[in-house]
């Protein structure tokens, strides 16, 4: 039995296999429509979510399976003081696989150690968000045809953004010749452990800039992120940072014609609505790819052969 806590739980070969399976699911949905008819997915979400929770549920339903779970800590026995370990022991009696989101870093890992079913980390605090990273990898591969030899700009909240941290790690440690342009204000730069232990340690070419306009002309992919209000300790800092970057039509004129924009969503106002009609805007397509990659992951962790 395997769990997924980090994208790095998968080798490069396993990653490529998973992405290939997800692409096949996109092309041949009918082939996969009933392969999990007798399976149940539990979604244990201790923190609010729209895309991640609903895409997991859509993924399981598309495979013919059923879904049960809770959407906030307040609607679970966590409100009564039940531990994550006890919760997963109980959930293991009801479901075949579990997707867990938790505000505390490491909580899904604790759950996996007590679980008798596969556990998928659906986001733990500011730490990891592996299925978003798998979604990002599938989106980039589908749009650009490769995951090597790319220049990727990451913009916005690079300090607290778990999607950014996971994506950097996966690209650096599983693919080659990926360059990064890290676009953020001083206060929201990537943490030192990402800079030193991942980028510098592996001799990855990267630069840190503050102006989005300076980065745009050189990018293959622009990965926008929102400034996350829930990660700030005080309202004043959040208000000061929240509108630091706004991608609009005027800025898009600086970008290459074949550069695509990704965003893990939800957006607030860091991408102007006018950009949605640009053919390079791929963030809603990215949300759709999230269903395919989660379908593929469920199949692999349940060892379902099609």
Protein backbone atom coordinates (compact mmCIF):
# COMPACT_ATOMS: atom_id res chain seq x y z
CA UNK A 1 0.00 0.00 0.00
CA UNK A 2 1.31 3.44 -0.97
CA UNK A 3 0.44 6.98 0.07
CA UNK A 4 1.18 10.29 -1.65
CA UNK A 5 2.56 12.99 0.65
CA UNK A 6 4.84 14.73 -1.85
CA UNK A 7 5.36 14.66 -5.63
CA UNK A 8 8.82 13.28 -4.80
CA UNK A 9 7.19 10.08 -3.53
CA UNK A 10 7.09 9.25 -7.25
CA UNK A 11 10.16 8.52 -9.35
CA UNK A 12 10.53 10.30 -12.69
CA UNK A 13 9.35 7.12 -14.42
CA UNK A 14 6.29 6.90 -12.16
CA UNK A 15 5.55 10.59 -12.71
CA UNK A 16 5.75 10.22 -16.48
CA UNK A 17 3.59 7.08 -16.32
CA UNK A 18 0.98 8.91 -14.23
CA UNK A 19 0.89 11.89 -16.61
CA UNK A 20 0.59 9.58 -19.61
CA UNK A 21 -2.32 7.78 -17.93
CA UNK A 22 -3.97 11.14 -17.19
CA UNK A 23 -3.61 12.15 -20.84
CA UNK A 24 -5.22 8.87 -21.91
CA UNK A 25 -8.10 9.48 -19.49
CA UNK A 26 -8.62 12.89 -21.10
CA UNK A 27 -8.78 11.33 -24.57
CA UNK A 28 -10.80 8.20 -23.65
CA UNK A 29 -13.08 8.98 -20.68
CA UNK A 30 -15.57 6.20 -21.50
CA UNK A 31 -12.85 3.58 -21.10
CA UNK A 32 -12.48 4.55 -17.42
CA UNK A 33 -16.12 5.26 -16.55
CA UNK A 34 -16.78 2.16 -14.39
CA UNK A 35 -13.37 0.93 -13.24
CA UNK A 36 -14.00 2.00 -9.62
CA UNK A 37 -17.69 1.04 -9.37
CA UNK A 38 -17.07 -0.74 -6.06
CA UNK A 39 -14.68 1.84 -4.53
CA UNK A 40 -15.20 4.73 -2.10
CA UNK A 41 -13.14 7.89 -1.67
CA UNK A 42 -13.21 9.78 1.65
CA UNK A 43 -12.50 13.52 1.42
CA UNK A 44 -11.34 14.67 4.87
CA UNK A 45 -10.96 18.44 4.53
CA UNK A 46 -10.10 20.31 7.73
CA UNK A 47 -9.69 23.53 5.71
CA UNK A 48 -11.96 25.18 3.10
CA UNK A 49 -11.48 24.16 -0.53
CA UNK A 50 -13.39 24.38 -3.77
CA UNK A 51 -11.20 23.07 -6.59
CA UNK A 52 -9.22 20.41 -4.74
CA UNK A 53 -12.15 18.83 -2.92
CA UNK A 54 -14.58 18.99 -5.83
CA UNK A 55 -12.01 17.77 -8.34
CA UNK A 56 -11.24 14.75 -6.13
CA UNK A 57 -14.96 14.05 -5.89
CA UNK A 58 -15.43 14.53 -9.65
CA UNK A 59 -12.44 12.26 -10.30
CA UNK A 60 -13.86 9.41 -8.22
CA UNK A 61 -17.34 9.82 -9.70
CA UNK A 62 -15.90 9.82 -13.23
CA UNK A 63 -14.33 6.46 -12.39
CA UNK A 64 -17.70 5.13 -11.22
CA UNK A 65 -16.84 5.29 -7.51
CA UNK A 66 -18.61 6.91 -4.57
CA UNK A 67 -17.58 9.76 -2.29
CA UNK A 68 -18.06 10.50 1.42
CA UNK A 69 -16.41 12.94 3.77
CA UNK A 70 -16.47 16.35 5.43
CA UNK A 71 -15.58 19.84 4.20
CA UNK A 72 -14.40 21.58 7.39
CA UNK A 73 -12.92 20.73 10.77
CA UNK A 74 -16.05 22.16 12.40
CA UNK A 75 -18.24 19.55 10.72
CA UNK A 76 -16.06 16.64 11.85
CA UNK A 77 -15.19 15.10 15.21
CA UNK A 78 -12.07 17.26 15.21
CA UNK A 79 -14.39 19.85 16.76
CA UNK A 80 -14.72 17.46 19.71
CA UNK A 81 -10.97 17.00 19.99
CA UNK A 82 -10.52 13.77 17.99
CA UNK A 83 -6.97 13.27 16.71
CA UNK A 84 -6.11 12.92 13.01
CA UNK A 85 -4.81 9.41 13.69
CA UNK A 86 -8.09 8.31 15.29
CA UNK A 87 -10.12 9.92 12.51
CA UNK A 88 -8.24 8.07 9.76
CA UNK A 89 -8.56 4.76 11.64
CA UNK A 90 -12.32 5.23 11.59
CA UNK A 91 -12.42 6.48 7.99
CA UNK A 92 -10.42 3.39 6.97
CA UNK A 93 -13.44 1.31 7.99
CA UNK A 94 -15.68 3.17 5.54
CA UNK A 95 -13.56 3.99 2.48
CA UNK A 96 -10.91 2.52 0.19
CA UNK A 97 -8.81 5.67 -0.21
CA UNK A 98 -8.66 9.09 1.49
CA UNK A 99 -7.76 12.63 0.34
CA UNK A 100 -6.88 14.83 3.32
CA UNK A 101 -6.36 18.58 3.58
CA UNK A 102 -5.20 20.05 6.88
CA UNK A 103 -3.91 23.46 8.02
CA UNK A 104 -1.09 21.84 10.03
CA UNK A 105 2.02 20.76 8.18
CA UNK A 106 2.59 17.03 8.43
CA UNK A 107 -0.97 16.11 9.48
CA UNK A 108 -1.63 13.92 6.39
CA UNK A 109 1.70 12.16 7.06
CA UNK A 110 0.57 11.40 10.62
CA UNK A 111 -2.69 10.07 9.16
CA UNK A 112 -0.87 7.85 6.66
CA UNK A 113 1.10 6.21 9.49
CA UNK A 114 -2.14 5.19 11.24
CA UNK A 115 -4.15 4.35 8.11
CA UNK A 116 -5.02 1.01 6.56
CA UNK A 117 -6.00 2.69 3.27
CA UNK A 118 -3.96 4.92 0.90
CA UNK A 119 -3.86 8.58 2.01
CA UNK A 120 -3.33 11.45 -0.42
CA UNK A 121 -2.04 14.76 0.92
CA UNK A 122 -4.50 17.33 -0.50
CA UNK A 123 -2.56 20.22 1.05
CA UNK A 124 -0.96 20.66 4.47
CA UNK A 125 -0.50 24.23 5.61
CA UNK A 126 2.19 26.07 3.67
CA UNK A 127 4.15 22.86 3.13
CA UNK A 128 3.04 20.65 0.23
CA UNK A 129 0.22 20.35 -2.28
CA UNK A 130 1.29 17.35 -4.38
CA UNK A 131 -1.85 16.85 -6.47
CA UNK A 132 -1.75 20.52 -7.50
CA UNK A 133 1.85 19.94 -8.58
CA UNK A 134 0.82 16.88 -10.59
CA UNK A 135 -1.89 19.05 -12.17
CA UNK A 136 0.68 21.74 -12.98
CA UNK A 137 3.06 19.20 -14.53
CA UNK A 138 0.29 17.70 -16.68
CA UNK A 139 -0.81 21.18 -17.80
CA UNK A 140 2.72 22.27 -18.73
CA UNK A 141 3.44 18.98 -20.55
CA UNK A 142 0.14 19.16 -22.45
CA UNK A 143 0.66 22.79 -23.49
CA UNK A 144 4.41 22.85 -24.15
CA UNK A 145 5.01 19.18 -25.01
CA UNK A 146 7.81 18.80 -22.48
CA UNK A 147 8.90 19.30 -18.86
CA UNK A 148 12.61 19.81 -19.59
CA UNK A 149 14.33 22.89 -21.03
CA UNK A 150 11.87 25.49 -19.79
CA UNK A 151 12.06 28.94 -18.21
CA UNK A 152 9.32 29.29 -15.61
CA UNK A 153 8.33 32.50 -13.87
CA UNK A 154 6.74 32.17 -10.43
CA UNK A 155 4.99 35.33 -9.31
CA UNK A 156 3.37 36.57 -6.10
CA UNK A 157 3.40 34.82 -2.74
CA UNK A 158 6.50 32.65 -2.99
CA UNK A 159 6.99 32.54 0.78
CA UNK A 160 3.75 30.85 1.88
CA UNK A 161 2.70 29.36 -1.47
CA UNK A 162 2.82 25.58 -1.03
CA UNK A 163 1.99 25.12 -4.73
CA UNK A 164 5.14 27.04 -5.64
CA UNK A 165 7.34 25.06 -3.25
CA UNK A 166 6.05 21.71 -4.52
CA UNK A 167 6.41 22.69 -8.19
CA UNK A 168 10.00 23.90 -7.78
CA UNK A 169 11.00 20.69 -6.00
CA UNK A 170 9.36 18.42 -8.56
CA UNK A 171 10.83 20.19 -11.60
CA UNK A 172 14.32 20.49 -10.12
CA UNK A 173 14.57 16.94 -8.77
CA UNK A 174 12.77 15.10 -11.59
CA UNK A 175 13.48 17.06 -14.78
CA UNK A 176 16.47 18.80 -16.37
CA UNK A 177 17.49 22.26 -17.51
CA UNK A 178 14.56 24.12 -15.94
CA UNK A 179 15.32 27.76 -15.14
CA UNK A 180 13.30 29.89 -12.73
CA UNK A 181 12.53 33.58 -12.49
CA UNK A 182 11.21 34.25 -8.98
CA UNK A 183 9.04 37.37 -9.02
CA UNK A 184 8.02 38.71 -5.61
CA UNK A 185 8.38 41.59 -3.18
CA UNK A 186 11.18 41.26 -0.62
CA UNK A 187 8.72 40.16 2.10
CA UNK A 188 7.32 37.25 0.06
CA UNK A 189 10.47 35.70 -1.39
CA UNK A 190 10.89 31.94 -1.48
CA UNK A 191 12.01 30.48 1.88
CA UNK A 192 15.71 29.90 2.38
CA UNK A 193 15.25 26.11 2.42
CA UNK A 194 13.90 26.24 -1.15
CA UNK A 195 16.60 28.64 -2.30
CA UNK A 196 19.51 26.87 -0.60
CA UNK A 197 18.49 23.20 -0.36
CA UNK A 198 16.79 22.89 -3.73
CA UNK A 199 17.89 25.59 -6.18
CA UNK A 200 21.47 26.34 -5.09
CA UNK A 201 22.29 22.79 -3.98
CA UNK A 202 21.36 21.43 -7.43
CA UNK A 203 23.01 24.26 -9.34
CA UNK A 204 19.75 25.42 -10.85
CA UNK A 205 19.80 28.68 -12.76
CA UNK A 206 17.44 31.19 -11.14
CA UNK A 207 17.02 34.90 -10.58
CA UNK A 208 14.93 36.90 -8.13
CA UNK A 209 13.25 40.03 -9.44
CA UNK A 210 10.63 42.39 -8.10
CA UNK A 211 9.13 43.72 -11.34
CA UNK A 212 6.86 41.39 -13.33
CA UNK A 213 7.49 43.46 -16.47
CA UNK A 214 11.21 42.61 -16.34
CA UNK A 215 10.52 38.87 -16.31
CA UNK A 216 7.74 38.47 -18.87
CA UNK A 217 9.73 38.59 -22.15
CA UNK A 218 11.91 35.60 -21.22
CA UNK A 219 9.29 33.10 -19.96
CA UNK A 220 7.81 29.86 -21.33
CA UNK A 221 5.35 29.64 -18.40
CA UNK A 222 4.13 32.31 -15.98
CA UNK A 223 2.76 30.80 -12.77
CA UNK A 224 0.73 33.46 -10.93
CA UNK A 225 -0.29 33.07 -7.27
CA UNK A 226 -2.52 35.07 -4.98
CA UNK A 227 -1.33 36.68 -1.78
CA UNK A 228 -2.98 34.41 0.77
CA UNK A 229 -4.82 36.33 3.46
CA UNK A 230 -5.11 33.22 5.64
CA UNK A 231 -1.30 32.90 5.92
CA UNK A 232 -0.76 36.42 7.29
CA UNK A 233 -0.55 37.20 10.99
CA UNK A 234 -1.96 40.70 10.66
CA UNK A 235 -4.35 42.51 8.35
CA UNK A 236 -2.01 45.44 7.75
CA UNK A 237 0.69 43.33 6.10
CA UNK A 238 -1.87 41.58 3.92
CA UNK A 239 -3.45 44.84 2.71
CA UNK A 240 -0.01 46.21 1.86
CA UNK A 241 0.93 43.13 -0.21
CA UNK A 242 -2.33 41.98 -1.81
CA UNK A 243 -2.24 44.20 -4.92
CA UNK A 244 1.51 44.11 -5.50
CA UNK A 245 1.06 42.29 -8.84
CA UNK A 246 -1.81 42.60 -11.29
CA UNK A 247 -1.38 40.93 -14.68
CA UNK A 248 -3.38 42.82 -17.30
CA UNK A 249 -3.59 43.14 -21.10
CA UNK A 250 -0.93 45.82 -21.20
CA UNK A 251 1.62 43.64 -19.39
CA UNK A 252 0.68 40.64 -21.57
CA UNK A 253 1.97 42.56 -24.60
CA UNK A 254 5.47 42.04 -23.18
CA UNK A 255 5.09 38.25 -23.06
CA UNK A 256 6.03 35.77 -25.83
CA UNK A 257 3.20 34.55 -28.06
CA UNK A 258 3.74 30.96 -26.85
CA UNK A 259 3.96 31.72 -23.11
CA UNK A 260 1.12 30.25 -21.06
CA UNK A 261 -0.31 31.59 -17.79
CA UNK A 262 -1.04 29.15 -14.98
CA UNK A 263 -2.65 29.84 -11.60
CA UNK A 264 -3.63 27.30 -8.92
CA UNK A 265 -6.75 29.41 -8.19
CA UNK A 266 -8.66 30.95 -6.55
CA UNK A 267 -7.57 34.29 -7.97
CA UNK A 268 -8.50 37.50 -6.27
CA UNK A 269 -7.35 40.32 -8.54
CA UNK A 270 -3.79 39.34 -9.47
CA UNK A 271 -5.00 38.44 -12.98
CA UNK A 272 -7.36 40.97 -14.54
CA UNK A 273 -10.55 39.45 -15.96
CA UNK A 274 -9.66 40.93 -19.35
CA UNK A 275 -6.78 38.43 -19.60
CA UNK A 276 -9.22 35.47 -19.56
CA UNK A 277 -9.85 35.85 -23.30
CA UNK A 278 -6.16 35.69 -24.15
CA UNK A 279 -5.35 32.29 -25.76
CA UNK A 280 -2.35 32.07 -23.44
CA UNK A 281 -4.59 32.03 -20.34
CA UNK A 282 -4.57 28.37 -19.30
CA UNK A 283 -5.70 28.48 -15.66
CA UNK A 284 -9.25 27.20 -16.20
CA UNK A 285 -7.94 24.46 -18.47
CA UNK A 286 -5.47 23.71 -15.65
CA UNK A 287 -8.43 23.14 -13.28
CA UNK A 288 -9.83 20.57 -15.73
CA UNK A 289 -6.49 18.79 -15.94
CA UNK A 290 -6.67 18.47 -12.15
CA UNK A 291 -9.57 16.02 -12.52
CA UNK A 292 -7.67 13.83 -15.00
CA UNK A 293 -4.52 13.66 -12.90
CA UNK A 294 -6.46 12.83 -9.72
CA UNK A 295 -8.30 10.08 -11.60
CA UNK A 296 -4.94 8.65 -12.65
CA UNK A 297 -3.58 8.89 -9.09
CA UNK A 298 -6.59 7.12 -7.60
CA UNK A 299 -6.17 4.30 -10.11
CA UNK A 300 -2.47 3.90 -9.36
CA UNK A 301 -2.83 3.98 -5.55
CA UNK A 302 -5.76 1.52 -5.65
CA UNK A 303 -3.76 -0.61 -8.12
CA UNK A 304 -6.69 -0.70 -10.51
CA UNK A 305 -5.68 -1.95 -13.96
CA UNK A 306 -7.70 -0.89 -16.99
